[in-house]
């Protein structure tokens, strides 16, 4: 069963999944956790979360060589 947020969630994970653990907890509850410091970004929409990720990453890039699974389609992230 697909939800309305599967496609934007997959897109965010594809582009940012090696630096952030990204989830949609429910409609209007989008989160991204930095893989280095575990700080959490929150937004009401996927585009809002993307904007916050870009601003956060621009200010303080996250190493892409951190331990953990990079995103792959169908992967389950905590």
Protein backbone atom coordinates (compact mmCIF):
# COMPACT_ATOMS: atom_id res chain seq x y z
CA UNK A 1 0.00 0.00 0.00
CA UNK A 2 1.48 3.33 -1.06
CA UNK A 3 0.90 6.57 0.75
CA UNK A 4 0.90 10.08 -0.64
CA UNK A 5 4.32 10.71 0.85
CA UNK A 6 6.19 7.66 -0.52
CA UNK A 7 7.49 9.46 -3.61
CA UNK A 8 8.74 12.63 -1.86
CA UNK A 9 10.21 10.49 0.95
CA UNK A 10 12.09 8.35 -1.58
CA UNK A 11 13.35 11.49 -3.34
CA UNK A 12 14.62 13.06 -0.10
CA UNK A 13 16.31 9.81 0.92
CA UNK A 14 17.88 9.39 -2.52
CA UNK A 15 19.48 12.83 -2.44
CA UNK A 16 20.22 13.21 1.27
CA UNK A 17 20.07 9.70 2.80
CA UNK A 18 23.82 9.33 3.23
CA UNK A 19 23.92 12.46 5.42
CA UNK A 20 20.50 12.34 7.13
CA UNK A 21 18.06 9.71 8.39
CA UNK A 22 14.81 10.90 6.85
CA UNK A 23 11.26 9.87 7.75
CA UNK A 24 7.67 10.98 7.48
CA UNK A 25 5.92 10.07 10.72
CA UNK A 26 2.50 11.14 9.42
CA UNK A 27 1.08 13.76 7.12
CA UNK A 28 2.66 17.04 8.18
CA UNK A 29 5.39 15.43 10.31
CA UNK A 30 8.61 15.27 8.27
CA UNK A 31 11.94 14.77 10.06
CA UNK A 32 15.61 14.48 9.15
CA UNK A 33 18.25 13.45 11.67
CA UNK A 34 21.88 14.34 10.97
CA UNK A 35 24.00 11.19 10.90
CA UNK A 36 26.91 12.94 12.64
CA UNK A 37 25.40 14.91 15.54
CA UNK A 38 21.91 13.34 15.53
CA UNK A 39 20.33 16.81 15.57
CA UNK A 40 16.82 16.67 14.16
CA UNK A 41 15.20 18.96 11.59
CA UNK A 42 11.39 19.09 11.39
CA UNK A 43 8.96 20.43 8.80
CA UNK A 44 5.30 20.24 7.82
CA UNK A 45 6.00 19.39 4.16
CA UNK A 46 8.65 17.50 2.18
CA UNK A 47 9.66 20.72 0.40
CA UNK A 48 9.99 22.48 3.74
CA UNK A 49 12.19 19.67 5.01
CA UNK A 50 14.29 19.77 1.85
CA UNK A 51 14.84 23.50 2.33
CA UNK A 52 15.89 22.94 5.96
CA UNK A 53 18.24 20.13 4.95
CA UNK A 54 19.87 22.29 2.28
CA UNK A 55 20.33 25.20 4.70
CA UNK A 56 21.69 22.91 7.43
CA UNK A 57 24.03 21.06 5.06
CA UNK A 58 25.27 24.32 3.53
CA UNK A 59 26.06 25.74 6.97
CA UNK A 60 27.62 22.51 8.32
CA UNK A 61 28.21 19.72 5.78
CA UNK A 62 27.70 16.18 7.04
CA UNK A 63 30.44 13.72 6.18
CA UNK A 64 29.18 11.17 3.66
CA UNK A 65 31.64 8.60 5.08
CA UNK A 66 29.84 8.00 8.38
CA UNK A 67 28.90 4.49 9.46
CA UNK A 68 25.36 3.44 8.68
CA UNK A 69 23.38 2.38 5.70
CA UNK A 70 23.08 4.84 2.85
CA UNK A 71 19.63 5.02 1.32
CA UNK A 72 18.51 2.33 -1.05
CA UNK A 73 14.97 1.97 -2.35
CA UNK A 74 12.88 -0.05 0.04
CA UNK A 75 15.32 0.26 2.92
CA UNK A 76 13.93 0.78 6.38
CA UNK A 77 15.47 3.61 8.38
CA UNK A 78 15.01 4.19 12.06
